[in-house]
Protein backbone atom coordinates (compact mmCIF):
# COMPACT_ATOMS: atom_id res chain seq x y z
CA MET A 1 14.63 34.88 34.60
CA THR A 2 16.30 34.40 37.97
CA GLY A 3 18.73 31.81 39.19
CA ASN A 4 15.86 30.13 41.00
CA PHE A 5 14.42 29.20 37.61
CA TRP A 6 17.03 26.56 36.92
CA ASN A 7 16.61 25.19 40.42
CA GLU A 8 12.90 24.76 39.79
CA VAL A 9 13.47 23.13 36.42
CA LEU A 10 15.88 20.67 38.03
CA LEU A 11 13.38 20.04 40.82
CA TYR A 12 10.73 19.04 38.30
CA GLY A 13 13.26 17.47 35.94
CA PRO A 14 12.04 13.85 36.32
CA GLY A 15 8.54 14.95 35.33
CA PHE A 16 9.85 16.79 32.28
CA LEU A 17 11.90 13.73 31.35
CA GLU A 18 8.87 11.45 31.59
CA ALA A 19 6.80 13.90 29.52
CA SER A 20 9.60 13.99 26.95
CA TYR A 21 9.51 10.20 26.69
CA THR A 22 5.78 10.45 26.07
CA VAL A 23 6.29 13.02 23.33
CA PHE A 24 9.02 10.97 21.69
CA GLY A 25 6.97 7.77 21.91
CA ILE A 26 3.92 9.42 20.37
CA THR A 27 6.09 10.89 17.63
CA ILE A 28 7.67 7.55 16.69
CA LEU A 29 4.31 5.75 16.63
CA THR A 30 2.71 8.59 14.68
CA ILE A 31 5.49 8.55 12.09
CA ALA A 32 4.97 4.81 11.62
CA VAL A 33 1.21 5.28 11.18
CA SER A 34 1.57 8.28 8.89
CA TRP A 35 4.16 6.65 6.64
CA GLY A 36 1.97 3.57 6.27
CA LEU A 37 -1.16 5.60 5.54
CA GLY A 38 0.76 7.98 3.30
CA LEU A 39 2.19 5.18 1.19
CA VAL A 40 -1.21 3.51 0.83
CA ALA A 41 -2.88 6.79 -0.09
CA ALA A 42 -0.14 7.72 -2.56
CA LEU A 43 -0.35 4.36 -4.31
CA ALA A 44 -4.16 4.50 -4.22
CA GLN A 45 -4.03 7.74 -6.22
CA ARG A 46 -2.31 5.76 -8.98
CA SER A 47 -4.87 2.94 -8.89
CA LYS A 48 -6.71 1.95 -12.05
CA PHE A 49 -9.93 1.88 -10.04
CA ARG A 50 -11.70 5.23 -9.93
CA ALA A 51 -13.38 4.56 -6.58
CA VAL A 52 -9.99 3.91 -4.94
CA ARG A 53 -8.53 7.09 -6.43
CA MET A 54 -11.52 9.11 -5.23
CA ALA A 55 -11.31 7.67 -1.72
CA ALA A 56 -7.63 8.60 -1.48
CA ALA A 57 -8.28 12.07 -2.89
CA PHE A 58 -11.12 12.65 -0.39
CA TYR A 59 -8.95 11.57 2.53
CA ILE A 60 -6.16 13.94 1.54
CA TRP A 61 -8.59 16.78 0.78
CA PHE A 62 -10.47 16.45 4.07
CA VAL A 63 -7.42 16.13 6.31
CA ARG A 64 -5.43 18.94 4.68
CA GLY A 65 -8.47 21.22 4.68
CA THR A 66 -9.43 20.91 8.36
CA PRO A 67 -7.55 21.92 11.54
CA THR A 68 -5.46 19.28 13.25
CA LEU A 69 -7.05 20.07 16.61
CA ILE A 70 -10.54 19.41 15.23
CA GLN A 71 -9.34 16.05 13.92
CA VAL A 72 -8.01 15.20 17.39
CA PHE A 73 -11.42 16.08 18.87
CA ILE A 74 -13.25 13.99 16.27
CA ILE A 75 -11.17 10.93 17.13
CA TYR A 76 -11.27 11.35 20.91
CA PHE A 77 -14.69 12.90 21.56
CA GLY A 78 -16.58 11.90 18.41
CA LEU A 79 -15.82 8.19 18.01
CA PRO A 80 -17.32 7.22 21.42
CA GLN A 81 -20.71 8.28 20.05
CA ILE A 82 -20.51 5.37 17.61
CA GLY A 83 -19.18 2.96 20.20
CA ILE A 84 -15.43 3.36 19.66
CA ARG A 85 -13.63 4.43 22.82
CA LEU A 86 -9.91 5.05 22.80
CA SER A 87 -7.45 6.07 25.49
CA PRO A 88 -6.10 9.61 25.16
CA PHE A 89 -2.72 8.20 24.09
CA ALA A 90 -4.18 5.92 21.39
CA ALA A 91 -6.54 8.63 20.15
CA GLY A 92 -3.64 11.06 19.93
CA VAL A 93 -1.45 8.69 17.94
CA ILE A 94 -4.28 7.84 15.54
CA ALA A 95 -5.35 11.46 15.08
CA LEU A 96 -1.85 12.76 14.44
CA GLY A 97 -1.06 9.73 12.27
CA VAL A 98 -4.13 10.28 10.11
CA ASN A 99 -3.31 13.98 9.86
CA SER A 100 0.33 13.54 8.95
CA GLY A 101 -0.48 10.66 6.60
CA ALA A 102 -2.27 12.99 4.21
CA TYR A 103 0.79 15.22 3.92
CA VAL A 104 3.11 12.22 3.61
CA ALA A 105 0.90 10.92 0.80
CA GLU A 106 1.43 14.11 -1.18
CA ILE A 107 5.16 14.00 -0.51
CA ILE A 108 5.36 10.39 -1.72
CA ARG A 109 3.19 11.19 -4.74
CA GLY A 110 5.66 13.91 -5.71
CA GLY A 111 8.54 11.48 -5.29
CA LEU A 112 6.83 8.85 -7.42
CA SER A 113 6.24 11.42 -10.17
CA ALA A 114 9.98 12.14 -10.25
CA ILE A 115 10.85 8.54 -11.17
CA PRO A 116 10.97 8.01 -14.96
CA ARG A 117 8.19 5.68 -16.08
CA GLY A 118 10.71 3.88 -18.26
CA GLN A 119 12.30 2.31 -15.18
CA THR A 120 9.04 0.60 -14.26
CA GLU A 121 8.44 -0.52 -17.82
CA SER A 122 11.96 -1.95 -18.06
CA ALA A 123 11.61 -3.84 -14.79
CA LEU A 124 8.30 -5.34 -15.88
CA ALA A 125 9.83 -6.33 -19.23
CA LEU A 126 12.60 -8.15 -17.32
CA GLY A 127 10.04 -10.24 -15.49
CA PHE A 128 9.67 -8.33 -12.22
CA SER A 129 6.16 -8.23 -10.79
CA PRO A 130 4.58 -4.81 -10.14
CA ALA A 131 5.04 -5.32 -6.38
CA GLU A 132 8.70 -6.30 -6.80
CA THR A 133 9.30 -3.33 -9.07
CA MET A 134 7.75 -0.92 -6.60
CA ARG A 135 9.49 -2.40 -3.56
CA GLY A 136 12.92 -3.03 -5.00
CA ILE A 137 13.40 -0.33 -7.63
CA VAL A 138 10.97 2.57 -7.27
CA LEU A 139 10.50 3.09 -3.52
CA PRO A 140 14.23 3.16 -2.59
CA GLN A 141 14.72 5.99 -5.09
CA VAL A 142 11.58 7.76 -3.89
CA PHE A 143 12.76 7.60 -0.28
CA ARG A 144 16.03 9.29 -1.20
CA ILE A 145 14.16 12.06 -3.04
CA ILE A 146 11.59 12.75 -0.34
CA LEU A 147 13.85 12.39 2.72
CA PRO A 148 14.22 16.15 3.39
CA SER A 149 10.49 16.78 3.00
CA ILE A 150 9.45 13.80 5.06
CA THR A 151 11.86 14.90 7.79
CA ASN A 152 10.18 18.29 7.94
CA GLU A 153 6.83 16.53 8.27
CA ALA A 154 8.18 14.39 11.11
CA ILE A 155 9.33 17.53 12.91
CA SER A 156 5.89 19.07 12.45
CA THR A 157 4.38 15.91 13.89
CA LEU A 158 6.62 16.15 16.94
CA LYS A 159 5.54 19.75 17.56
CA ASN A 160 1.87 18.85 17.02
CA THR A 161 2.03 16.54 20.04
CA SER A 162 1.47 19.67 22.11
CA LEU A 163 -2.14 19.65 20.86
CA LEU A 164 -2.76 16.42 22.76
CA SER A 165 -2.72 18.31 26.04
CA THR A 166 -6.34 19.18 25.15
CA ILE A 167 -7.35 15.50 25.52
CA THR A 168 -5.39 15.00 28.77
CA VAL A 169 -2.29 13.33 27.34
CA VAL A 170 0.40 14.22 29.87
CA GLU A 171 3.02 15.44 27.43
CA LEU A 172 5.28 18.45 27.83
CA THR A 173 2.63 21.14 27.43
CA LEU A 174 0.12 19.66 29.86
CA TYR A 175 2.84 18.89 32.38
CA ALA A 176 4.06 22.48 32.19
CA GLN A 177 0.49 23.74 32.63
CA THR A 178 0.07 21.73 35.81
CA LEU A 179 3.28 23.24 37.18
CA ILE A 180 2.22 26.73 36.18
CA ALA A 181 -1.10 26.28 37.96
CA SER A 182 0.74 25.64 41.23
CA THR A 183 3.75 27.95 40.84
CA PHE A 184 2.28 30.82 38.77
CA ARG A 185 5.46 30.99 36.67
CA PRO A 186 4.30 30.56 33.07
CA PHE A 187 7.24 32.29 31.40
CA GLU A 188 9.91 30.07 32.91
CA PHE A 189 8.15 26.76 32.38
CA TYR A 190 7.03 27.52 28.84
CA ILE A 191 10.63 28.47 28.05
CA ALA A 192 11.70 25.11 29.49
CA VAL A 193 9.19 23.33 27.26
CA ALA A 194 10.43 25.27 24.22
CA VAL A 195 14.03 24.28 24.99
CA ILE A 196 13.08 20.60 25.31
CA TYR A 197 11.22 20.72 21.99
CA LEU A 198 14.29 22.32 20.42
CA VAL A 199 16.42 19.44 21.69
CA LEU A 200 14.00 16.83 20.35
CA THR A 201 13.66 18.48 16.94
CA THR A 202 17.44 18.83 16.74
CA ILE A 203 17.78 15.09 17.37
CA LEU A 204 15.40 14.37 14.50
CA THR A 205 17.14 16.84 12.21
CA THR A 206 20.56 15.35 13.03
CA LEU A 207 19.27 11.85 12.31
CA ALA A 208 17.83 12.99 8.99
CA SER A 209 21.10 14.66 8.02
CA TRP A 210 22.95 11.45 8.79
CA LEU A 211 20.53 9.47 6.62
CA GLU A 212 20.90 11.95 3.77
CA ARG A 213 24.70 11.65 3.89
CA ARG A 214 24.46 7.87 4.04
CA TYR A 215 22.22 7.69 0.99
CA ALA A 216 24.39 10.20 -0.85
CA ASN A 217 27.43 7.99 -0.26
CA LEU A 218 25.51 4.94 -1.46
CA GLY A 219 24.60 6.84 -4.62
């Protein structure tokens, strides 16, 4: 790389910054969607109703067994055929949220399995409702257990945002591709994208480490 590389990166810096905001925004929204879906699917697997358990199992099986990119295409290109049209941004968030939700569900399921059943039985015997027991006693402990794993999933989600360039979401990868098409300098701009992703993943990792220390001190 030459010294001109950094000059070009600085020249296109505002565009990279805007694309980074897009990536970060998609990641935050996707995490929210995936945690919600993951929790519902994890609890559904413990339902007393067989149909609910089967629906959750099918969702997890299908999503984990098919490529993420195909799921993005199904949401963005497939849904319009049944009358559901989404913007590239919305389709990307939903697709990545649905994808990550299946993995989060398995992480939460593992965390739930680590909590002794006696705690739930004791809480119910003391007059807590099942919802109060889950919300106030079980889930806080589960969150502490699964925090490292769920952080890794969040980082994977952030990196998966690069797939959304295929449906015209102007995130880091697509922005870099437009620059490469006009400058013919793929090496430099892909390195710039890699560095930005490293910064973003480091921010998430640092935040997770802080949360782990905080929960450890509370324990």
